[in-house]
C-alpha atoms as a PDB file:
ATOM      1  CA  MET A   1      17.532   8.849  68.583  1.00  0.00           C
ATOM      2  CA  LEU A   2      14.541   6.778  67.473  1.00  0.00           C
ATOM      3  CA  SER A   3      12.628   9.891  66.444  1.00  0.00           C
ATOM      4  CA  CYS A   4      15.610  11.029  64.344  1.00  0.00           C
ATOM      5  CA  LYS A   5      15.695   7.691  62.535  1.00  0.00           C
ATOM      6  CA  ILE A   6      11.966   7.836  61.870  1.00  0.00           C
ATOM      7  CA  PHE A   7      12.305  11.391  60.557  1.00  0.00           C
ATOM      8  CA  PHE A   8      15.229  10.342  58.316  1.00  0.00           C
ATOM      9  CA  ILE A   9      13.263   7.385  56.907  1.00  0.00           C
ATOM     10  CA  TYR A  10      10.274   9.663  56.322  1.00  0.00           C
ATOM     11  CA  GLU A  11      12.420  12.159  54.394  1.00  0.00           C
ATOM     12  CA  VAL A  12      13.968   9.396  52.238  1.00  0.00           C
ATOM     13  CA  VAL A  13      10.557   7.912  51.431  1.00  0.00           C
ATOM     14  CA  LYS A  14       9.187  11.367  50.611  1.00  0.00           C
ATOM     15  CA  MET A  15      12.136  12.078  48.318  1.00  0.00           C
ATOM     16  CA  ARG A  16      11.769   8.727  46.530  1.00  0.00           C
ATOM     17  CA  PHE A  17       8.039   9.232  46.128  1.00  0.00           C
ATOM     18  CA  THR A  18       8.589  12.718  44.697  1.00  0.00           C
ATOM     19  CA  GLN A  19      11.162  11.352  42.246  1.00  0.00           C
ATOM     20  CA  PHE A  20       8.779   8.560  41.245  1.00  0.00           C
ATOM     21  CA  MET A  21       5.875  10.953  40.666  1.00  0.00           C
ATOM     22  CA  CYS A  22       8.056  13.322  38.618  1.00  0.00           C
ATOM     23  CA  LEU A  23       9.171  10.400  36.477  1.00  0.00           C
ATOM     24  CA  ARG A  24       5.579   9.273  35.956  1.00  0.00           C
ATOM     25  CA  LEU A  25       4.497  12.803  35.062  1.00  0.00           C
ATOM     26  CA  ASN A  26       7.361  13.160  32.600  1.00  0.00           C
ATOM     27  CA  GLN A  27       6.484   9.812  31.032  1.00  0.00           C
ATOM     28  CA  ALA A  28       2.829  10.815  30.811  1.00  0.00           C
ATOM     29  CA  SER A  29       3.748  14.155  29.247  1.00  0.00           C
ATOM     30  CA  PHE A  30       5.991  12.441  26.696  1.00  0.00           C
ATOM     31  CA  LEU A  31       3.255   9.944  25.874  1.00  0.00           C
ATOM     32  CA  ASP A  32       0.697  12.727  25.504  1.00  0.00           C
ATOM     33  CA  ILE A  33       2.991  14.638  23.126  1.00  0.00           C
ATOM     34  CA  LYS A  34       3.666  11.471  21.150  1.00  0.00           C
ATOM     35  CA  GLN A  35      -0.032  10.666  20.865  1.00  0.00           C
ATOM     36  CA  GLN A  36      -1.136  14.197  20.012  1.00  0.00           C
ATOM     37  CA  GLN A  37       1.409  14.686  17.212  1.00  0.00           C
ATOM     38  CA  PHE A  38      -1.043  13.141  14.744  1.00  0.00           C
ATOM     39  CA  VAL A  39      -4.048  15.219  15.813  1.00  0.00           C
ATOM     40  CA  PRO A  40      -4.668  18.109  13.375  1.00  0.00           C
ATOM     41  CA  LYS A  41      -5.045  21.693  14.546  1.00  0.00           C
ATOM     42  CA  HIS A  42      -8.434  22.308  16.087  1.00  0.00           C
ATOM     43  CA  GLN A  43     -10.438  24.785  18.111  1.00  0.00           C
ATOM     44  CA  PRO A  44     -11.628  24.106  21.664  1.00  0.00           C
ATOM     45  CA  VAL A  45     -15.177  22.854  21.847  1.00  0.00           C
ATOM     46  CA  LEU A  46     -17.899  24.951  23.460  1.00  0.00           C
ATOM     47  CA  GLU A  47     -19.813  23.428  26.351  1.00  0.00           C
ATOM     48  CA  ARG A  48     -23.123  24.366  24.756  1.00  0.00           C
ATOM     49  CA  ASP A  49     -22.201  22.315  21.676  1.00  0.00           C
ATOM     50  CA  VAL A  50     -21.446  19.278  23.827  1.00  0.00           C
ATOM     51  CA  LYS A  51     -24.817  19.725  25.548  1.00  0.00           C
ATOM     52  CA  ARG A  52     -26.538  20.076  22.182  1.00  0.00           C
ATOM     53  CA  LEU A  53     -25.089  16.752  21.045  1.00  0.00           C
ATOM     54  CA  GLU A  54     -25.962  15.180  24.376  1.00  0.00           C
ATOM     55  CA  SER A  55     -29.596  16.274  24.040  1.00  0.00           C
ATOM     56  CA  PHE A  56     -29.646  14.819  20.535  1.00  0.00           C
ATOM     57  CA  LEU A  57     -28.396  11.454  21.814  1.00  0.00           C
ATOM     58  CA  LEU A  58     -30.754  11.408  24.795  1.00  0.00           C
ATOM     59  CA  SER A  59     -33.658  11.607  22.367  1.00  0.00           C
ATOM     60  CA  LYS A  60     -32.202   8.794  20.222  1.00  0.00           C
ATOM     61  CA  PRO A  61     -31.708   5.713  22.432  1.00  0.00           C
ATOM     62  CA  ASN A  62     -31.155   3.413  19.442  1.00  0.00           C
ATOM     63  CA  ILE A  63     -28.332   5.277  17.733  1.00  0.00           C
ATOM     64  CA  VAL A  64     -25.755   3.738  15.376  1.00  0.00           C
ATOM     65  CA  VAL A  65     -22.204   5.058  15.745  1.00  0.00           C
ATOM     66  CA  LEU A  66     -19.680   5.158  12.900  1.00  0.00           C
ATOM     67  CA  THR A  67     -16.051   5.823  13.840  1.00  0.00           C
ATOM     68  CA  GLY A  68     -13.120   6.685  11.597  1.00  0.00           C
ATOM     69  CA  ALA A  69      -9.382   7.229  11.822  1.00  0.00           C
ATOM     70  CA  GLY A  70      -9.886  10.553  13.604  1.00  0.00           C
ATOM     71  CA  ILE A  71     -10.657   8.840  16.898  1.00  0.00           C
ATOM     72  CA  SER A  72      -7.422   6.823  16.831  1.00  0.00           C
ATOM     73  CA  THR A  73      -5.066   9.722  16.125  1.00  0.00           C
ATOM     74  CA  GLU A  74      -5.309  10.504  19.831  1.00  0.00           C
ATOM     75  CA  SER A  75      -3.882   7.034  20.503  1.00  0.00           C
ATOM     76  CA  GLY A  76      -0.877   7.781  18.314  1.00  0.00           C
ATOM     77  CA  ILE A  77      -2.035   6.223  15.028  1.00  0.00           C
ATOM     78  CA  PRO A  78      -1.907   8.758  12.174  1.00  0.00           C
ATOM     79  CA  ASP A  79      -4.720   9.017   9.662  1.00  0.00           C
ATOM     80  CA  TYR A  80      -4.182   9.478   5.936  1.00  0.00           C
ATOM     81  CA  ARG A  81      -5.753  12.816   5.091  1.00  0.00           C
ATOM     82  CA  SER A  82      -5.400  15.306   7.955  1.00  0.00           C
ATOM     83  CA  GLU A  83      -3.678  18.489   6.863  1.00  0.00           C
ATOM     84  CA  GLY A  84      -0.090  18.720   8.067  1.00  0.00           C
ATOM     85  CA  VAL A  85      -0.129  15.569  10.219  1.00  0.00           C
ATOM     86  CA  GLY A  86      -1.754  12.857   8.090  1.00  0.00           C
ATOM     87  CA  LEU A  87       0.364  10.355   6.186  1.00  0.00           C
ATOM     88  CA  TYR A  88      -0.436  11.961   2.839  1.00  0.00           C
ATOM     89  CA  ALA A  89       1.195  15.121   4.208  1.00  0.00           C
ATOM     90  CA  ARG A  90       4.135  13.299   5.805  1.00  0.00           C
ATOM     91  CA  SER A  91       5.186  10.984   2.965  1.00  0.00           C
ATOM     92  CA  ASN A  92       4.860  10.274  -0.748  1.00  0.00           C
ATOM     93  CA  HIS A  93       3.526   6.763  -0.252  1.00  0.00           C
ATOM     94  CA  LYS A  94      -0.130   5.953  -0.785  1.00  0.00           C
ATOM     95  CA  PRO A  95      -2.085   3.102   0.824  1.00  0.00           C
ATOM     96  CA  ILE A  96      -1.768  -0.210  -0.952  1.00  0.00           C
ATOM     97  CA  GLN A  97      -4.334  -1.068  -3.609  1.00  0.00           C
ATOM     98  CA  HIS A  98      -5.971  -4.505  -3.588  1.00  0.00           C
ATOM     99  CA  SER A  99      -5.135  -5.078  -7.259  1.00  0.00           C
ATOM    100  CA  GLU A 100      -1.460  -4.251  -6.631  1.00  0.00           C
ATOM    101  CA  PHE A 101      -1.244  -6.769  -3.801  1.00  0.00           C
ATOM    102  CA  LEU A 102      -2.654  -9.502  -6.037  1.00  0.00           C
ATOM    103  CA  ARG A 103      -0.564  -8.617  -9.071  1.00  0.00           C
ATOM    104  CA  SER A 104       2.951  -8.077  -7.757  1.00  0.00           C
ATOM    105  CA  SER A 105       5.138 -10.294  -5.571  1.00  0.00           C
ATOM    106  CA  ASP A 106       7.413  -7.294  -4.929  1.00  0.00           C
ATOM    107  CA  ILE A 107       4.498  -5.282  -3.580  1.00  0.00           C
ATOM    108  CA  ARG A 108       3.391  -8.181  -1.361  1.00  0.00           C
ATOM    109  CA  LYS A 109       6.931  -8.432  -0.025  1.00  0.00           C
ATOM    110  CA  ARG A 110       7.078  -4.677   0.562  1.00  0.00           C
ATOM    111  CA  TYR A 111       3.731  -4.681   2.342  1.00  0.00           C
ATOM    112  CA  TRP A 112       4.533  -7.582   4.644  1.00  0.00           C
ATOM    113  CA  ALA A 113       8.035  -6.298   5.420  1.00  0.00           C
ATOM    114  CA  ARG A 114       6.674  -2.960   6.560  1.00  0.00           C
ATOM    115  CA  ASN A 115       3.733  -4.543   8.349  1.00  0.00           C
ATOM    116  CA  PHE A 116       6.073  -6.907  10.186  1.00  0.00           C
ATOM    117  CA  VAL A 117       8.305  -4.114  11.453  1.00  0.00           C
ATOM    118  CA  GLY A 118       5.368  -1.927  12.468  1.00  0.00           C
ATOM    119  CA  TRP A 119       3.263  -4.634  14.104  1.00  0.00           C
ATOM    120  CA  PRO A 120       4.751  -4.559  17.638  1.00  0.00           C
ATOM    121  CA  ARG A 121       4.082  -0.835  17.979  1.00  0.00           C
ATOM    122  CA  PHE A 122       0.724  -0.926  16.172  1.00  0.00           C
ATOM    123  CA  SER A 123      -0.602  -3.838  18.240  1.00  0.00           C
ATOM    124  CA  ALA A 124       0.611  -2.226  21.483  1.00  0.00           C
ATOM    125  CA  THR A 125      -1.449   0.920  20.856  1.00  0.00           C
ATOM    126  CA  GLU A 126      -3.925   1.584  23.646  1.00  0.00           C
ATOM    127  CA  PRO A 127      -7.479   2.957  23.456  1.00  0.00           C
ATOM    128  CA  ASN A 128      -8.037   6.592  24.352  1.00  0.00           C
ATOM    129  CA  SER A 129     -10.815   8.375  26.228  1.00  0.00           C
ATOM    130  CA  THR A 130     -13.176   8.268  23.233  1.00  0.00           C
ATOM    131  CA  HIS A 131     -12.902   4.488  22.888  1.00  0.00           C
ATOM    132  CA  TYR A 132     -13.504   4.013  26.608  1.00  0.00           C
ATOM    133  CA  ALA A 133     -16.442   6.414  26.618  1.00  0.00           C
ATOM    134  CA  LEU A 134     -18.128   4.553  23.753  1.00  0.00           C
ATOM    135  CA  ALA A 135     -17.654   1.248  25.583  1.00  0.00           C
ATOM    136  CA  ARG A 136     -19.282   2.817  28.646  1.00  0.00           C
ATOM    137  CA  PHE A 137     -22.177   4.145  26.569  1.00  0.00           C
ATOM    138  CA  GLU A 138     -22.758   0.637  25.241  1.00  0.00           C
ATOM    139  CA  ARG A 139     -22.840  -0.829  28.756  1.00  0.00           C
ATOM    140  CA  GLU A 140     -25.293   1.863  29.832  1.00  0.00           C
ATOM    141  CA  GLY A 141     -27.527   1.198  26.825  1.00  0.00           C
ATOM    142  CA  ARG A 142     -26.983   4.665  25.353  1.00  0.00           C
ATOM    143  CA  ILE A 143     -25.770   3.292  22.010  1.00  0.00           C
ATOM    144  CA  GLN A 144     -26.780  -0.014  20.475  1.00  0.00           C
ATOM    145  CA  SER A 145     -24.410  -0.591  17.579  1.00  0.00           C
ATOM    146  CA  LEU A 146     -20.943   0.572  16.588  1.00  0.00           C
ATOM    147  CA  VAL A 147     -19.389   0.396  13.128  1.00  0.00           C
ATOM    148  CA  THR A 148     -15.724   1.300  12.722  1.00  0.00           C
ATOM    149  CA  GLN A 149     -13.688   2.021   9.628  1.00  0.00           C
ATOM    150  CA  ASN A 150     -10.546   1.363  11.659  1.00  0.00           C
ATOM    151  CA  VAL A 151      -8.613  -1.906  11.644  1.00  0.00           C
ATOM    152  CA  ASP A 152      -6.818  -1.289  14.961  1.00  0.00           C
ATOM    153  CA  ARG A 153      -9.313  -3.138  17.194  1.00  0.00           C
ATOM    154  CA  LEU A 154      -9.097  -0.390  19.823  1.00  0.00           C
ATOM    155  CA  HIS A 155     -12.856  -0.487  20.417  1.00  0.00           C
ATOM    156  CA  THR A 156     -12.598  -4.137  21.430  1.00  0.00           C
ATOM    157  CA  LYS A 157      -9.605  -3.387  23.649  1.00  0.00           C
ATOM    158  CA  ALA A 158     -11.668  -0.675  25.350  1.00  0.00           C
ATOM    159  CA  GLY A 159     -14.470  -3.129  26.088  1.00  0.00           C
ATOM    160  CA  SER A 160     -17.026  -2.549  23.314  1.00  0.00           C
ATOM    161  CA  LYS A 161     -18.854  -5.768  22.413  1.00  0.00           C
ATOM    162  CA  ASN A 162     -21.204  -5.026  19.519  1.00  0.00           C
ATOM    163  CA  VAL A 163     -18.643  -3.825  16.957  1.00  0.00           C
ATOM    164  CA  ILE A 164     -18.706  -4.296  13.200  1.00  0.00           C
ATOM    165  CA  GLU A 165     -15.293  -3.774  11.621  1.00  0.00           C
ATOM    166  CA  LEU A 166     -16.341  -2.291   8.297  1.00  0.00           C
ATOM    167  CA  HIS A 167     -12.915  -2.633   6.696  1.00  0.00           C
ATOM    168  CA  GLY A 168     -11.847  -5.755   8.570  1.00  0.00           C
ATOM    169  CA  SER A 169      -9.079  -6.091  11.111  1.00  0.00           C
ATOM    170  CA  GLY A 170      -5.311  -6.208  11.124  1.00  0.00           C
ATOM    171  CA  TYR A 171      -5.449  -8.911  13.795  1.00  0.00           C
ATOM    172  CA  THR A 172      -6.211 -11.824  11.444  1.00  0.00           C
ATOM    173  CA  VAL A 173      -4.329 -13.100   8.388  1.00  0.00           C
ATOM    174  CA  GLN A 174      -6.219 -15.067   5.749  1.00  0.00           C
ATOM    175  CA  CYS A 175      -5.435 -17.069   2.627  1.00  0.00           C
ATOM    176  CA  LEU A 176      -6.859 -15.637  -0.582  1.00  0.00           C
ATOM    177  CA  SER A 177      -7.356 -19.104  -2.089  1.00  0.00           C
ATOM    178  CA  CYS A 178      -8.779 -21.231   0.736  1.00  0.00           C
ATOM    179  CA  ASN A 179     -10.343 -20.895   4.198  1.00  0.00           C
ATOM    180  CA  TYR A 180      -7.061 -20.892   6.119  1.00  0.00           C
ATOM    181  CA  ASN A 181      -6.553 -18.087   8.621  1.00  0.00           C
ATOM    182  CA  ILE A 182      -4.165 -17.379  11.469  1.00  0.00           C
ATOM    183  CA  GLY A 183      -3.992 -14.792  14.238  1.00  0.00           C
ATOM    184  CA  ARG A 184      -1.697 -11.884  13.477  1.00  0.00           C
ATOM    185  CA  HIS A 185       0.401 -12.426  16.620  1.00  0.00           C
ATOM    186  CA  ASP A 186       1.031 -16.048  15.605  1.00  0.00           C
ATOM    187  CA  PHE A 187       1.846 -14.939  12.076  1.00  0.00           C
ATOM    188  CA  GLN A 188       4.297 -12.420  13.523  1.00  0.00           C
ATOM    189  CA  ALA A 189       6.195 -15.280  15.163  1.00  0.00           C
ATOM    190  CA  ILE A 190       6.483 -17.035  11.790  1.00  0.00           C
ATOM    191  CA  LEU A 191       7.722 -13.876  10.091  1.00  0.00           C
ATOM    192  CA  ASN A 192      10.153 -13.289  12.932  1.00  0.00           C
ATOM    193  CA  SER A 193      11.667 -16.756  12.526  1.00  0.00           C
ATOM    194  CA  LEU A 194      12.139 -16.096   8.807  1.00  0.00           C
ATOM    195  CA  ASN A 195      13.471 -12.549   9.222  1.00  0.00           C
ATOM    196  CA  PRO A 196      15.316 -12.168  12.549  1.00  0.00           C
ATOM    197  CA  GLU A 197      17.463  -9.323  11.211  1.00  0.00           C
ATOM    198  CA  PHE A 198      14.443  -7.038  10.763  1.00  0.00           C
ATOM    199  CA  LYS A 199      13.832  -6.290  14.433  1.00  0.00           C
ATOM    200  CA  ASN A 200      15.711  -3.000  14.358  1.00  0.00           C
ATOM    201  CA  ALA A 201      14.523  -1.622  11.021  1.00  0.00           C
ATOM    202  CA  PRO A 202      13.471   2.068  11.351  1.00  0.00           C
ATOM    203  CA  ASN A 203       9.777   2.730  10.836  1.00  0.00           C
ATOM    204  CA  MET A 204       6.765   5.033  11.066  1.00  0.00           C
ATOM    205  CA  VAL A 205       3.398   3.360  11.690  1.00  0.00           C
ATOM    206  CA  ARG A 206       0.503   3.828   9.250  1.00  0.00           C
ATOM    207  CA  PRO A 207      -3.231   3.496  10.045  1.00  0.00           C
ATOM    208  CA  ASP A 208      -3.332  -0.112   8.763  1.00  0.00           C
ATOM    209  CA  GLY A 209      -0.202  -1.216  10.645  1.00  0.00           C
ATOM    210  CA  ASP A 210       1.997  -0.703   7.588  1.00  0.00           C
ATOM    211  CA  VAL A 211       5.158   1.370   8.045  1.00  0.00           C
ATOM    212  CA  GLU A 212       7.878   3.189   6.185  1.00  0.00           C
ATOM    213  CA  ILE A 213      11.228   1.329   6.081  1.00  0.00           C
ATOM    214  CA  PRO A 214      14.236   1.558   3.755  1.00  0.00           C
ATOM    215  CA  ALA A 215      14.125  -0.344   0.459  1.00  0.00           C
ATOM    216  CA  ASP A 216      17.275  -2.351   1.172  1.00  0.00           C
ATOM    217  CA  TYR A 217      15.530  -4.008   4.119  1.00  0.00           C
ATOM    218  CA  ILE A 218      12.545  -4.933   1.968  1.00  0.00           C
ATOM    219  CA  LYS A 219      14.594  -6.744  -0.685  1.00  0.00           C
ATOM    220  CA  LYS A 220      15.792  -9.277   1.881  1.00  0.00           C
ATOM    221  CA  PHE A 221      12.400  -9.970   3.410  1.00  0.00           C
ATOM    222  CA  ARG A 222      10.935 -13.495   3.269  1.00  0.00           C
ATOM    223  CA  ILE A 223       7.198 -14.204   3.420  1.00  0.00           C
ATOM    224  CA  PRO A 224       5.489 -17.594   3.748  1.00  0.00           C
ATOM    225  CA  THR A 225       2.654 -18.901   1.610  1.00  0.00           C
ATOM    226  CA  CYS A 226      -0.461 -20.639   2.902  1.00  0.00           C
ATOM    227  CA  PRO A 227       0.573 -23.931   4.589  1.00  0.00           C
ATOM    228  CA  GLU A 228      -2.521 -25.664   3.205  1.00  0.00           C
ATOM    229  CA  CYS A 229      -2.664 -24.558  -0.445  1.00  0.00           C
ATOM    230  CA  ARG A 230       0.410 -22.322  -0.966  1.00  0.00           C
ATOM    231  CA  GLY A 231      -1.853 -19.381  -1.761  1.00  0.00           C
ATOM    232  CA  TYR A 232      -1.120 -15.737  -0.960  1.00  0.00           C
ATOM    233  CA  LEU A 233      -1.601 -14.579   2.626  1.00  0.00           C
ATOM    234  CA  LYS A 234      -3.171 -11.197   3.306  1.00  0.00           C
ATOM    235  CA  PRO A 235      -4.406  -9.398   6.428  1.00  0.00           C
ATOM    236  CA  GLU A 236      -8.172  -9.486   6.832  1.00  0.00           C
ATOM    237  CA  ILE A 237      -8.333  -5.839   5.792  1.00  0.00           C
ATOM    238  CA  VAL A 238     -10.369  -4.382   2.941  1.00  0.00           C
ATOM    239  CA  PHE A 239      -7.635  -2.695   0.926  1.00  0.00           C
ATOM    240  CA  PHE A 240      -8.378   0.326  -1.234  1.00  0.00           C
ATOM    241  CA  GLY A 241     -10.068  -0.828  -4.426  1.00  0.00           C
ATOM    242  CA  ASP A 242     -11.528  -3.954  -2.814  1.00  0.00           C
ATOM    243  CA  ASN A 243     -15.167  -4.454  -1.834  1.00  0.00           C
ATOM    244  CA  VAL A 244     -16.612  -4.721   1.645  1.00  0.00           C
ATOM    245  CA  PRO A 245     -18.231  -8.183   1.991  1.00  0.00           C
ATOM    246  CA  LYS A 246     -21.933  -8.048   1.126  1.00  0.00           C
ATOM    247  CA  ASP A 247     -23.093  -9.769   4.311  1.00  0.00           C
ATOM    248  CA  ARG A 248     -21.318  -7.075   6.335  1.00  0.00           C
ATOM    249  CA  LEU A 249     -23.022  -4.320   4.354  1.00  0.00           C
ATOM    250  CA  ASP A 250     -26.384  -6.048   4.777  1.00  0.00           C
ATOM    251  CA  ARG A 251     -25.940  -6.202   8.564  1.00  0.00           C
ATOM    252  CA  ILE A 252     -25.108  -2.505   8.692  1.00  0.00           C
ATOM    253  CA  ALA A 253     -28.071  -1.600   6.494  1.00  0.00           C
ATOM    254  CA  GLU A 254     -30.376  -3.553   8.822  1.00  0.00           C
ATOM    255  CA  MET A 255     -28.909  -1.788  11.868  1.00  0.00           C
ATOM    256  CA  ILE A 256     -29.555   1.601  10.303  1.00  0.00           C
ATOM    257  CA  TYR A 257     -33.076   0.598   9.261  1.00  0.00           C
ATOM    258  CA  THR A 258     -34.004  -0.220  12.871  1.00  0.00           C
ATOM    259  CA  SER A 259     -32.115   2.734  14.397  1.00  0.00           C
ATOM    260  CA  ASP A 260     -33.028   6.250  15.529  1.00  0.00           C
ATOM    261  CA  GLY A 261     -30.184   7.882  13.622  1.00  0.00           C
ATOM    262  CA  LEU A 262     -26.444   7.969  13.030  1.00  0.00           C
ATOM    263  CA  LEU A 263     -23.525   9.515  14.931  1.00  0.00           C
ATOM    264  CA  VAL A 264     -20.281   9.881  12.936  1.00  0.00           C
ATOM    265  CA  LEU A 265     -17.063  10.313  14.923  1.00  0.00           C
ATOM    266  CA  GLY A 266     -13.675  11.135  13.419  1.00  0.00           C
ATOM    267  CA  SER A 267     -14.383  10.291   9.786  1.00  0.00           C
ATOM    268  CA  SER A 268     -14.063  12.497   6.721  1.00  0.00           C
ATOM    269  CA  LEU A 269     -16.538  10.145   4.985  1.00  0.00           C
ATOM    270  CA  LEU A 270     -14.463  10.341   1.804  1.00  0.00           C
ATOM    271  CA  VAL A 271     -14.431   6.545   1.573  1.00  0.00           C
ATOM    272  CA  PHE A 272     -17.803   5.568   0.135  1.00  0.00           C
ATOM    273  CA  SER A 273     -18.417   2.661   2.516  1.00  0.00           C
ATOM    274  CA  GLY A 274     -18.766   5.194   5.342  1.00  0.00           C
ATOM    275  CA  TYR A 275     -20.575   7.841   3.315  1.00  0.00           C
ATOM    276  CA  ARG A 276     -23.062   5.178   2.228  1.00  0.00           C
ATOM    277  CA  MET A 277     -24.205   4.888   5.839  1.00  0.00           C
ATOM    278  CA  VAL A 278     -25.025   8.606   5.911  1.00  0.00           C
ATOM    279  CA  LEU A 279     -26.994   8.304   2.671  1.00  0.00           C
ATOM    280  CA  GLN A 280     -28.901   5.282   3.975  1.00  0.00           C
ATOM    281  CA  THR A 281     -29.751   7.133   7.175  1.00  0.00           C
ATOM    282  CA  LYS A 282     -31.046  10.213   5.354  1.00  0.00           C
ATOM    283  CA  ASP A 283     -33.023   8.058   2.896  1.00  0.00           C
ATOM    284  CA  LEU A 284     -34.967   6.876   5.945  1.00  0.00           C
ATOM    285  CA  ASN A 285     -35.477  10.490   7.083  1.00  0.00           C
ATOM    286  CA  LEU A 286     -33.378   9.825  10.167  1.00  0.00           C
ATOM    287  CA  PRO A 287     -31.020  12.406  11.701  1.00  0.00           C
ATOM    288  CA  VAL A 288     -27.229  12.448  11.387  1.00  0.00           C
ATOM    289  CA  ALA A 289     -24.755  14.042  13.807  1.00  0.00           C
ATOM    290  CA  ILE A 290     -21.055  14.436  12.968  1.00  0.00           C
ATOM    291  CA  VAL A 291     -18.045  15.196  15.167  1.00  0.00           C
ATOM    292  CA  ASN A 292     -14.868  15.719  13.150  1.00  0.00           C
ATOM    293  CA  ILE A 293     -12.114  18.317  13.200  1.00  0.00           C
ATOM    294  CA  GLY A 294     -12.234  19.045   9.473  1.00  0.00           C
ATOM    295  CA  GLU A 295     -14.880  19.100   6.790  1.00  0.00           C
ATOM    296  CA  THR A 296     -16.562  15.861   5.819  1.00  0.00           C
ATOM    297  CA  ARG A 297     -18.283  14.602   2.727  1.00  0.00           C
ATOM    298  CA  GLY A 298     -21.539  14.456   4.669  1.00  0.00           C
ATOM    299  CA  ASP A 299     -21.592  17.914   6.256  1.00  0.00           C
ATOM    300  CA  HIS A 300     -24.415  19.098   4.000  1.00  0.00           C
ATOM    301  CA  LEU A 301     -26.570  16.214   5.246  1.00  0.00           C
ATOM    302  CA  ALA A 302     -25.802  16.600   8.946  1.00  0.00           C
ATOM    303  CA  ASP A 303     -28.421  17.774  11.421  1.00  0.00           C
ATOM    304  CA  ILE A 304     -25.612  18.534  13.879  1.00  0.00           C
ATOM    305  CA  LYS A 305     -21.944  19.093  13.027  1.00  0.00           C
ATOM    306  CA  LEU A 306     -19.289  19.801  15.641  1.00  0.00           C
ATOM    307  CA  ALA A 307     -15.898  20.791  14.212  1.00  0.00           C
ATOM    308  CA  ALA A 308     -14.006  19.414  17.186  1.00  0.00           C
ATOM    309  CA  LYS A 309     -11.631  16.733  18.390  1.00  0.00           C
ATOM    310  CA  CYS A 310     -13.554  13.638  19.454  1.00  0.00           C
ATOM    311  CA  GLY A 311     -11.615  13.445  22.713  1.00  0.00           C
ATOM    312  CA  ASP A 312     -12.869  16.925  23.616  1.00  0.00           C
ATOM    313  CA  VAL A 313     -16.495  15.912  23.094  1.00  0.00           C
ATOM    314  CA  VAL A 314     -17.352  12.246  23.547  1.00  0.00           C
ATOM    315  CA  PRO A 315     -15.916  11.642  27.054  1.00  0.00           C
ATOM    316  CA  LYS A 316     -17.864  14.680  28.316  1.00  0.00           C
ATOM    317  CA  LEU A 317     -21.231  13.264  27.256  1.00  0.00           C
ATOM    318  CA  PHE A 318     -23.567  11.915  29.971  1.00  0.00           C
ATOM    319  CA  ASP A 319     -21.054  12.706  32.732  1.00  0.00           C
ATOM    320  CA  PHE A 320     -23.822  13.419  35.225  1.00  0.00           C
ATOM    321  CA  LYS A 321     -26.428  11.005  33.895  1.00  0.00           C
ATOM    322  CA  LYS A 322     -24.873   7.612  34.623  1.00  0.00           C
END
């Protein structure tokens, strides 16, 4: 009788475990599909190309890495320009211009309404294998400096320490008239208290945390002014048409000057602040390697170009040389 009970318990536990594992696998598959929907069509990478890039990096211990939106598409954040899956292909809206934000209260309201609705999903985004690999490379001393065009802070979440956020971060809100700033999570609580009815507004996240929501929601949205000077509040992001702070550019230029070369990951380099880094590197007669699915503005200057998904390349580097 005892053996029958033990066998019965064993079968129940086995069944529950099987159900649990199937659920986890289904959840993982759904998450993978959701994350990959923003990755453009691409060809599988050849092992010899990965080894070629690895040899390049082994000979350049003081490399600077520049990352763009292409590394975060695998985390479920769409980029702007990718054919078929980027936001330019999916909608008629363009990214906000700095001058528009300053000029129009309606545009500020529209921006903050969409940013508010999209923030919970945007801020919950997790790093992917490329982010984690770069953090590991930093710990192992394989890369020295990392510059990102992204405002999602996924490199920091993955554990990278020496990161320069070229275009700022969506995680801080600043006043345009004084030195006041507030963390984005705290600012979210303020917006939530002013706009409790917005929790269920439909949305699609953009690369800067902005989203698409219906116009009738936007009209009702309320935004606070700076509590110290009543100035306009804006995320600490360099909007299109604005300038990257000079001290940030100077730091990057110094990093490149003392480096062995530049590795570009997931950037089309169409924004000049990123392309400038390629030009600075080549002006010093230093090599440039690029990994990006599509063409980039700097392909003609690259010593190595892999037309591949970053997640198919970067995590495979140095696998047996830890």
